[in-house]
């Protein structure tokens, strides 16, 4: 399959028609505060999570010449079209079950040259600039229009996902002095889980989910992609063996 100037993947799935417009929004969280003397200051805070908005066209006829094809596995041995219902169920499942997936946009200049626009990472093989973020689907809206016939439009809003952890505090009281002391409660078997040298990819796996399950941090997908010389972190397939260390 020839690489188009723009190619979008959500999880392991190439969208059927790359949207004509993609909005990437960075919101600030700074606060304007009025001090007691009447002066005004700007309290600086970390920026909000990145959001992505776009509308996908989901053709009723899956074999339209302009529709992207899904290649399974990534070596290109099998090419097939997926029907409209498959995409609707796939995206709704991600939305309904709060699944974290990798969102990728491949930007390739026409003629094979490198697009020098702004981006978050440059493909090491010179195929263009890549946006690659762990995200969740925050909004899922289906639109049916008379002029589209049986084709549907799906409006999606994605939000950047950053993994986090929590700590439990244990309070102990000194009965003689009445003072309380807080300490971080150590989890059982902390640090005792041995990281396997390799992992065999299973159906439905994504690189970020594998990293979360085996390494405890979904954001380590970049390290694992580099370790395994993966040009596209979305292109993993059942039975593939990945090195984890």
C-alpha atoms as a PDB file:
ATOM      1  CA  UNK A   1       0.000   0.000   0.000  1.00  0.00           C
ATOM      2  CA  UNK A   2       1.484   3.345  -1.012  1.00  0.00           C
ATOM      3  CA  UNK A   3       1.917   5.810   1.812  1.00  0.00           C
ATOM      4  CA  UNK A   4      -0.400   8.801   1.440  1.00  0.00           C
ATOM      5  CA  UNK A   5       0.731  12.319   2.472  1.00  0.00           C
ATOM      6  CA  UNK A   6      -1.217  11.845   5.723  1.00  0.00           C
ATOM      7  CA  UNK A   7      -1.993   8.536   7.400  1.00  0.00           C
ATOM      8  CA  UNK A   8      -3.862   8.281  10.709  1.00  0.00           C
ATOM      9  CA  UNK A   9      -3.954   5.312  13.059  1.00  0.00           C
ATOM     10  CA  UNK A  10      -5.966   4.876  16.257  1.00  0.00           C
ATOM     11  CA  UNK A  11      -4.646   1.883  18.108  1.00  0.00           C
ATOM     12  CA  UNK A  12      -3.677  -0.682  15.470  1.00  0.00           C
ATOM     13  CA  UNK A  13      -6.310   0.528  13.009  1.00  0.00           C
ATOM     14  CA  UNK A  14      -5.768   2.780   9.988  1.00  0.00           C
ATOM     15  CA  UNK A  15      -8.808   5.061   9.595  1.00  0.00           C
ATOM     16  CA  UNK A  16     -10.672   4.383   6.313  1.00  0.00           C
ATOM     17  CA  UNK A  17     -10.421   7.966   5.028  1.00  0.00           C
ATOM     18  CA  UNK A  18      -7.881  10.397   6.441  1.00  0.00           C
ATOM     19  CA  UNK A  19      -9.853  13.463   7.665  1.00  0.00           C
ATOM     20  CA  UNK A  20      -9.431  16.695   5.719  1.00  0.00           C
ATOM     21  CA  UNK A  21      -9.007  18.684   8.941  1.00  0.00           C
ATOM     22  CA  UNK A  22      -7.417  17.840  12.289  1.00  0.00           C
ATOM     23  CA  UNK A  23      -7.451  20.261  15.226  1.00  0.00           C
ATOM     24  CA  UNK A  24      -4.760  19.932  17.889  1.00  0.00           C
ATOM     25  CA  UNK A  25      -5.487  22.084  20.937  1.00  0.00           C
ATOM     26  CA  UNK A  26      -3.110  23.111  23.711  1.00  0.00           C
ATOM     27  CA  UNK A  27      -4.885  24.875  26.581  1.00  0.00           C
ATOM     28  CA  UNK A  28      -3.099  26.819  29.287  1.00  0.00           C
ATOM     29  CA  UNK A  29      -4.148  26.487  32.938  1.00  0.00           C
ATOM     30  CA  UNK A  30      -2.677  29.740  34.234  1.00  0.00           C
ATOM     31  CA  UNK A  31      -4.796  31.729  36.709  1.00  0.00           C
ATOM     32  CA  UNK A  32      -5.272  35.469  37.068  1.00  0.00           C
ATOM     33  CA  UNK A  33      -5.228  36.390  40.761  1.00  0.00           C
ATOM     34  CA  UNK A  34      -6.030  39.754  42.371  1.00  0.00           C
ATOM     35  CA  UNK A  35      -3.853  40.429  45.414  1.00  0.00           C
ATOM     36  CA  UNK A  36      -5.021  42.244  48.554  1.00  0.00           C
ATOM     37  CA  UNK A  37      -3.354  45.473  47.387  1.00  0.00           C
ATOM     38  CA  UNK A  38      -5.348  45.374  44.149  1.00  0.00           C
ATOM     39  CA  UNK A  39      -2.471  44.335  41.900  1.00  0.00           C
ATOM     40  CA  UNK A  40      -2.987  41.494  39.449  1.00  0.00           C
ATOM     41  CA  UNK A  41      -0.650  38.587  38.846  1.00  0.00           C
ATOM     42  CA  UNK A  42      -0.657  35.575  36.564  1.00  0.00           C
ATOM     43  CA  UNK A  43      -0.193  32.336  38.518  1.00  0.00           C
ATOM     44  CA  UNK A  44       1.615  29.918  36.236  1.00  0.00           C
ATOM     45  CA  UNK A  45       0.431  26.307  36.102  1.00  0.00           C
ATOM     46  CA  UNK A  46       1.341  23.324  33.922  1.00  0.00           C
ATOM     47  CA  UNK A  47      -0.609  23.293  30.619  1.00  0.00           C
ATOM     48  CA  UNK A  48      -3.720  21.183  30.164  1.00  0.00           C
ATOM     49  CA  UNK A  49      -3.666  17.839  28.360  1.00  0.00           C
ATOM     50  CA  UNK A  50      -3.569  17.974  24.559  1.00  0.00           C
ATOM     51  CA  UNK A  51      -6.852  17.366  22.719  1.00  0.00           C
ATOM     52  CA  UNK A  52      -7.385  16.280  19.107  1.00  0.00           C
ATOM     53  CA  UNK A  53     -10.642  16.816  17.192  1.00  0.00           C
ATOM     54  CA  UNK A  54     -11.591  15.566  13.733  1.00  0.00           C
ATOM     55  CA  UNK A  55     -14.424  13.998  11.749  1.00  0.00           C
ATOM     56  CA  UNK A  56     -14.006  10.590  10.121  1.00  0.00           C
ATOM     57  CA  UNK A  57     -15.876   9.531   7.011  1.00  0.00           C
ATOM     58  CA  UNK A  58     -17.010   5.909   7.316  1.00  0.00           C
ATOM     59  CA  UNK A  59     -18.043   4.732   3.816  1.00  0.00           C
ATOM     60  CA  UNK A  60     -20.842   2.185   3.563  1.00  0.00           C
ATOM     61  CA  UNK A  61     -19.021   0.497   0.692  1.00  0.00           C
ATOM     62  CA  UNK A  62     -15.732  -0.715   2.083  1.00  0.00           C
ATOM     63  CA  UNK A  63     -13.993  -1.229  -1.259  1.00  0.00           C
ATOM     64  CA  UNK A  64     -14.038   2.366  -2.504  1.00  0.00           C
ATOM     65  CA  UNK A  65     -10.817   3.229  -4.380  1.00  0.00           C
ATOM     66  CA  UNK A  66     -10.032   6.239  -2.151  1.00  0.00           C
ATOM     67  CA  UNK A  67     -10.475   4.308   1.114  1.00  0.00           C
ATOM     68  CA  UNK A  68      -7.391   3.230   3.027  1.00  0.00           C
ATOM     69  CA  UNK A  69      -6.747  -0.481   3.318  1.00  0.00           C
ATOM     70  CA  UNK A  70      -5.801  -2.381   6.440  1.00  0.00           C
ATOM     71  CA  UNK A  71      -2.640  -4.449   6.136  1.00  0.00           C
ATOM     72  CA  UNK A  72      -2.442  -7.574   8.317  1.00  0.00           C
ATOM     73  CA  UNK A  73       0.216  -8.423   9.383  1.00  0.00           C
ATOM     74  CA  UNK A  74       2.532  -5.403   8.994  1.00  0.00           C
ATOM     75  CA  UNK A  75       4.760  -7.148   6.434  1.00  0.00           C
ATOM     76  CA  UNK A  76       1.990  -6.593   3.870  1.00  0.00           C
ATOM     77  CA  UNK A  77       1.094 -10.216   3.084  1.00  0.00           C
ATOM     78  CA  UNK A  78      -2.655  -9.605   3.402  1.00  0.00           C
ATOM     79  CA  UNK A  79      -4.742  -6.547   2.516  1.00  0.00           C
ATOM     80  CA  UNK A  80      -8.430  -6.197   3.246  1.00  0.00           C
ATOM     81  CA  UNK A  81     -11.173  -3.588   3.574  1.00  0.00           C
ATOM     82  CA  UNK A  82     -13.202  -3.356   6.774  1.00  0.00           C
ATOM     83  CA  UNK A  83     -16.900  -2.519   6.749  1.00  0.00           C
ATOM     84  CA  UNK A  84     -18.603   0.470   8.341  1.00  0.00           C
ATOM     85  CA  UNK A  85     -19.977  -1.499  11.298  1.00  0.00           C
ATOM     86  CA  UNK A  86     -16.504  -2.712  12.224  1.00  0.00           C
ATOM     87  CA  UNK A  87     -15.206   0.859  12.616  1.00  0.00           C
ATOM     88  CA  UNK A  88     -18.264   1.988  14.590  1.00  0.00           C
ATOM     89  CA  UNK A  89     -17.959  -0.930  17.025  1.00  0.00           C
ATOM     90  CA  UNK A  90     -14.183  -0.549  17.302  1.00  0.00           C
ATOM     91  CA  UNK A  91     -14.269   3.137  18.232  1.00  0.00           C
ATOM     92  CA  UNK A  92     -17.300   2.752  20.502  1.00  0.00           C
ATOM     93  CA  UNK A  93     -15.545  -0.052  22.387  1.00  0.00           C
ATOM     94  CA  UNK A  94     -12.554   2.233  23.001  1.00  0.00           C
ATOM     95  CA  UNK A  95     -14.888   5.005  24.189  1.00  0.00           C
ATOM     96  CA  UNK A  96     -17.253   2.881  26.302  1.00  0.00           C
ATOM     97  CA  UNK A  97     -14.521   0.948  28.093  1.00  0.00           C
ATOM     98  CA  UNK A  98     -12.116   3.856  28.666  1.00  0.00           C
ATOM     99  CA  UNK A  99      -9.312   2.160  26.773  1.00  0.00           C
ATOM    100  CA  UNK A 100      -5.954   3.858  26.310  1.00  0.00           C
ATOM    101  CA  UNK A 101      -4.640   3.590  22.747  1.00  0.00           C
ATOM    102  CA  UNK A 102      -1.822   5.007  20.695  1.00  0.00           C
ATOM    103  CA  UNK A 103      -2.860   7.826  18.329  1.00  0.00           C
ATOM    104  CA  UNK A 104      -0.524   8.285  15.383  1.00  0.00           C
ATOM    105  CA  UNK A 105      -0.407  10.677  12.434  1.00  0.00           C
ATOM    106  CA  UNK A 106       2.196  10.010   9.749  1.00  0.00           C
ATOM    107  CA  UNK A 107       2.985  13.112   7.685  1.00  0.00           C
ATOM    108  CA  UNK A 108       4.883  12.390   4.485  1.00  0.00           C
ATOM    109  CA  UNK A 109       5.754  14.999   1.890  1.00  0.00           C
ATOM    110  CA  UNK A 110       4.598  14.162  -1.638  1.00  0.00           C
ATOM    111  CA  UNK A 111       7.413  12.573  -3.604  1.00  0.00           C
ATOM    112  CA  UNK A 112       8.941  10.908  -0.563  1.00  0.00           C
ATOM    113  CA  UNK A 113      10.681  13.984   0.824  1.00  0.00           C
ATOM    114  CA  UNK A 114      10.583  14.908   4.479  1.00  0.00           C
ATOM    115  CA  UNK A 115       7.953  17.355   5.698  1.00  0.00           C
ATOM    116  CA  UNK A 116       9.809  19.917   7.803  1.00  0.00           C
ATOM    117  CA  UNK A 117       6.732  21.203   9.647  1.00  0.00           C
ATOM    118  CA  UNK A 118       6.357  21.101  13.416  1.00  0.00           C
ATOM    119  CA  UNK A 119       5.845  17.735  15.038  1.00  0.00           C
ATOM    120  CA  UNK A 120       6.584  15.687  18.107  1.00  0.00           C
ATOM    121  CA  UNK A 121       9.003  13.236  16.584  1.00  0.00           C
ATOM    122  CA  UNK A 122      10.727  12.595  13.283  1.00  0.00           C
ATOM    123  CA  UNK A 123      10.575   9.158  11.740  1.00  0.00           C
ATOM    124  CA  UNK A 124      14.123   7.793  11.765  1.00  0.00           C
ATOM    125  CA  UNK A 125      13.595   6.421   8.255  1.00  0.00           C
ATOM    126  CA  UNK A 126      12.869   9.872   6.850  1.00  0.00           C
ATOM    127  CA  UNK A 127       9.212   9.208   6.072  1.00  0.00           C
ATOM    128  CA  UNK A 128       7.919  12.433   7.564  1.00  0.00           C
ATOM    129  CA  UNK A 129       7.003  13.927  10.912  1.00  0.00           C
ATOM    130  CA  UNK A 130       5.008  11.848  13.358  1.00  0.00           C
ATOM    131  CA  UNK A 131       2.491  12.678  16.058  1.00  0.00           C
ATOM    132  CA  UNK A 132       2.349   9.767  18.484  1.00  0.00           C
ATOM    133  CA  UNK A 133       0.456  10.039  21.780  1.00  0.00           C
ATOM    134  CA  UNK A 134      -1.331   7.750  24.198  1.00  0.00           C
ATOM    135  CA  UNK A 135      -4.965   8.940  24.227  1.00  0.00           C
ATOM    136  CA  UNK A 136      -8.514   8.157  25.282  1.00  0.00           C
ATOM    137  CA  UNK A 137     -11.701   8.904  23.319  1.00  0.00           C
ATOM    138  CA  UNK A 138     -13.568  11.661  25.179  1.00  0.00           C
ATOM    139  CA  UNK A 139     -16.393  12.243  22.714  1.00  0.00           C
ATOM    140  CA  UNK A 140     -18.052   9.919  20.169  1.00  0.00           C
ATOM    141  CA  UNK A 141     -20.748  11.399  17.905  1.00  0.00           C
ATOM    142  CA  UNK A 142     -22.299   9.800  14.804  1.00  0.00           C
ATOM    143  CA  UNK A 143     -23.753  12.048  12.091  1.00  0.00           C
ATOM    144  CA  UNK A 144     -25.916  10.919   9.180  1.00  0.00           C
ATOM    145  CA  UNK A 145     -26.527  13.426   6.381  1.00  0.00           C
ATOM    146  CA  UNK A 146     -28.791  13.162   3.353  1.00  0.00           C
ATOM    147  CA  UNK A 147     -26.012  14.242   0.994  1.00  0.00           C
ATOM    148  CA  UNK A 148     -23.797  11.400   2.266  1.00  0.00           C
ATOM    149  CA  UNK A 149     -26.287   8.663   1.429  1.00  0.00           C
ATOM    150  CA  UNK A 150     -25.448   5.602   3.536  1.00  0.00           C
ATOM    151  CA  UNK A 151     -22.003   6.896   4.436  1.00  0.00           C
ATOM    152  CA  UNK A 152     -21.655   8.068   8.039  1.00  0.00           C
ATOM    153  CA  UNK A 153     -19.544  10.696   9.751  1.00  0.00           C
ATOM    154  CA  UNK A 154     -18.003  10.059  13.148  1.00  0.00           C
ATOM    155  CA  UNK A 155     -16.854  13.048  15.185  1.00  0.00           C
ATOM    156  CA  UNK A 156     -14.169  12.115  17.696  1.00  0.00           C
ATOM    157  CA  UNK A 157     -12.409  14.066  20.402  1.00  0.00           C
ATOM    158  CA  UNK A 158      -9.271  12.477  21.803  1.00  0.00           C
ATOM    159  CA  UNK A 159      -7.426  13.544  24.936  1.00  0.00           C
ATOM    160  CA  UNK A 160      -3.812  12.898  25.820  1.00  0.00           C
ATOM    161  CA  UNK A 161      -3.348  10.239  28.494  1.00  0.00           C
ATOM    162  CA  UNK A 162      -0.477  10.360  30.967  1.00  0.00           C
ATOM    163  CA  UNK A 163      -0.038   7.352  33.220  1.00  0.00           C
ATOM    164  CA  UNK A 164       0.066   7.900  36.962  1.00  0.00           C
ATOM    165  CA  UNK A 165       0.266   5.980  40.202  1.00  0.00           C
ATOM    166  CA  UNK A 166      -1.036   6.411  43.741  1.00  0.00           C
ATOM    167  CA  UNK A 167       0.506   5.930  47.150  1.00  0.00           C
ATOM    168  CA  UNK A 168      -1.117   4.845  50.397  1.00  0.00           C
ATOM    169  CA  UNK A 169      -0.175   6.567  53.635  1.00  0.00           C
ATOM    170  CA  UNK A 170      -0.187   4.755  56.950  1.00  0.00           C
ATOM    171  CA  UNK A 171      -0.835   6.799  60.103  1.00  0.00           C
ATOM    172  CA  UNK A 172       0.544   5.705  63.466  1.00  0.00           C
ATOM    173  CA  UNK A 173      -0.274   7.427  66.748  1.00  0.00           C
ATOM    174  CA  UNK A 174       2.035   7.768  69.723  1.00  0.00           C
ATOM    175  CA  UNK A 175      -0.261   7.058  72.669  1.00  0.00           C
ATOM    176  CA  UNK A 176       2.067   8.846  75.104  1.00  0.00           C
ATOM    177  CA  UNK A 177       2.395  12.138  73.228  1.00  0.00           C
ATOM    178  CA  UNK A 178      -0.795  11.977  71.151  1.00  0.00           C
ATOM    179  CA  UNK A 179       1.138  12.819  67.975  1.00  0.00           C
ATOM    180  CA  UNK A 180       0.460  11.118  64.651  1.00  0.00           C
ATOM    181  CA  UNK A 181       3.071  10.142  62.102  1.00  0.00           C
ATOM    182  CA  UNK A 182       2.406   9.492  58.412  1.00  0.00           C
ATOM    183  CA  UNK A 183       4.512   7.143  56.322  1.00  0.00           C
ATOM    184  CA  UNK A 184       4.194   5.745  52.813  1.00  0.00           C
ATOM    185  CA  UNK A 185       2.814   2.227  52.928  1.00  0.00           C
ATOM    186  CA  UNK A 186       5.082  -0.130  51.028  1.00  0.00           C
ATOM    187  CA  UNK A 187       3.255  -2.461  48.692  1.00  0.00           C
ATOM    188  CA  UNK A 188       3.923  -6.138  48.988  1.00  0.00           C
ATOM    189  CA  UNK A 189       6.463  -7.527  46.531  1.00  0.00           C
ATOM    190  CA  UNK A 190       7.560  -4.030  45.482  1.00  0.00           C
ATOM    191  CA  UNK A 191      10.356  -4.374  42.982  1.00  0.00           C
ATOM    192  CA  UNK A 192      10.262  -8.166  43.109  1.00  0.00           C
ATOM    193  CA  UNK A 193       8.453  -8.616  39.792  1.00  0.00           C
ATOM    194  CA  UNK A 194      11.028  -9.738  37.293  1.00  0.00           C
ATOM    195  CA  UNK A 195      10.734  -8.181  33.861  1.00  0.00           C
ATOM    196  CA  UNK A 196      10.777 -10.907  31.193  1.00  0.00           C
ATOM    197  CA  UNK A 197      13.395 -10.661  28.471  1.00  0.00           C
ATOM    198  CA  UNK A 198      10.791 -11.051  25.719  1.00  0.00           C
ATOM    199  CA  UNK A 199       7.031 -10.854  25.218  1.00  0.00           C
ATOM    200  CA  UNK A 200       4.924 -12.647  22.611  1.00  0.00           C
ATOM    201  CA  UNK A 201       2.262 -10.346  21.168  1.00  0.00           C
ATOM    202  CA  UNK A 202      -1.339 -11.520  21.594  1.00  0.00           C
ATOM    203  CA  UNK A 203      -4.472 -10.539  19.696  1.00  0.00           C
ATOM    204  CA  UNK A 204      -5.675  -7.086  20.754  1.00  0.00           C
ATOM    205  CA  UNK A 205      -2.314  -6.030  22.231  1.00  0.00           C
ATOM    206  CA  UNK A 206      -0.914  -2.548  21.713  1.00  0.00           C
ATOM    207  CA  UNK A 207       2.623  -1.505  22.522  1.00  0.00           C
ATOM    208  CA  UNK A 208       1.487   0.933  25.213  1.00  0.00           C
ATOM    209  CA  UNK A 209      -0.694  -1.732  26.886  1.00  0.00           C
ATOM    210  CA  UNK A 210       2.148  -4.252  26.803  1.00  0.00           C
ATOM    211  CA  UNK A 211       4.455  -1.721  28.483  1.00  0.00           C
ATOM    212  CA  UNK A 212       1.851  -0.955  31.130  1.00  0.00           C
ATOM    213  CA  UNK A 213       1.284  -4.651  31.887  1.00  0.00           C
ATOM    214  CA  UNK A 214       4.872  -5.886  31.772  1.00  0.00           C
ATOM    215  CA  UNK A 215       6.886  -2.783  32.697  1.00  0.00           C
ATOM    216  CA  UNK A 216       4.349  -0.880  34.805  1.00  0.00           C
ATOM    217  CA  UNK A 217       4.497   2.224  32.603  1.00  0.00           C
ATOM    218  CA  UNK A 218       2.650   2.655  29.287  1.00  0.00           C
ATOM    219  CA  UNK A 219       4.883   5.606  28.351  1.00  0.00           C
ATOM    220  CA  UNK A 220       7.849   3.264  27.850  1.00  0.00           C
ATOM    221  CA  UNK A 221       6.497   2.218  24.441  1.00  0.00           C
ATOM    222  CA  UNK A 222       9.032   4.491  22.716  1.00  0.00           C
ATOM    223  CA  UNK A 223      11.936   2.694  24.404  1.00  0.00           C
ATOM    224  CA  UNK A 224      10.555  -0.708  23.430  1.00  0.00           C
ATOM    225  CA  UNK A 225       9.870   0.440  19.854  1.00  0.00           C
ATOM    226  CA  UNK A 226      13.473   1.627  19.584  1.00  0.00           C
ATOM    227  CA  UNK A 227      14.803  -1.558  21.196  1.00  0.00           C
ATOM    228  CA  UNK A 228      12.954  -3.655  18.598  1.00  0.00           C
ATOM    229  CA  UNK A 229      13.710  -1.348  15.631  1.00  0.00           C
ATOM    230  CA  UNK A 230      10.005  -0.686  15.023  1.00  0.00           C
ATOM    231  CA  UNK A 231       9.532   2.113  12.491  1.00  0.00           C
ATOM    232  CA  UNK A 232       5.816   2.185  13.360  1.00  0.00           C
ATOM    233  CA  UNK A 233       4.897   1.358  16.956  1.00  0.00           C
ATOM    234  CA  UNK A 234       1.325   0.523  15.878  1.00  0.00           C
ATOM    235  CA  UNK A 235       2.419  -2.279  13.588  1.00  0.00           C
ATOM    236  CA  UNK A 236       2.708  -5.274  15.872  1.00  0.00           C
ATOM    237  CA  UNK A 237       0.901  -8.554  15.276  1.00  0.00           C
ATOM    238  CA  UNK A 238      -0.029 -11.733  17.174  1.00  0.00           C
ATOM    239  CA  UNK A 239       2.894 -14.112  17.478  1.00  0.00           C
ATOM    240  CA  UNK A 240       5.533 -11.399  17.133  1.00  0.00           C
ATOM    241  CA  UNK A 241       8.261 -11.615  19.789  1.00  0.00           C
ATOM    242  CA  UNK A 242       9.334  -8.302  21.333  1.00  0.00           C
ATOM    243  CA  UNK A 243      12.437  -7.702  23.401  1.00  0.00           C
ATOM    244  CA  UNK A 244      11.682  -5.940  26.700  1.00  0.00           C
ATOM    245  CA  UNK A 245      15.269  -5.498  27.914  1.00  0.00           C
END
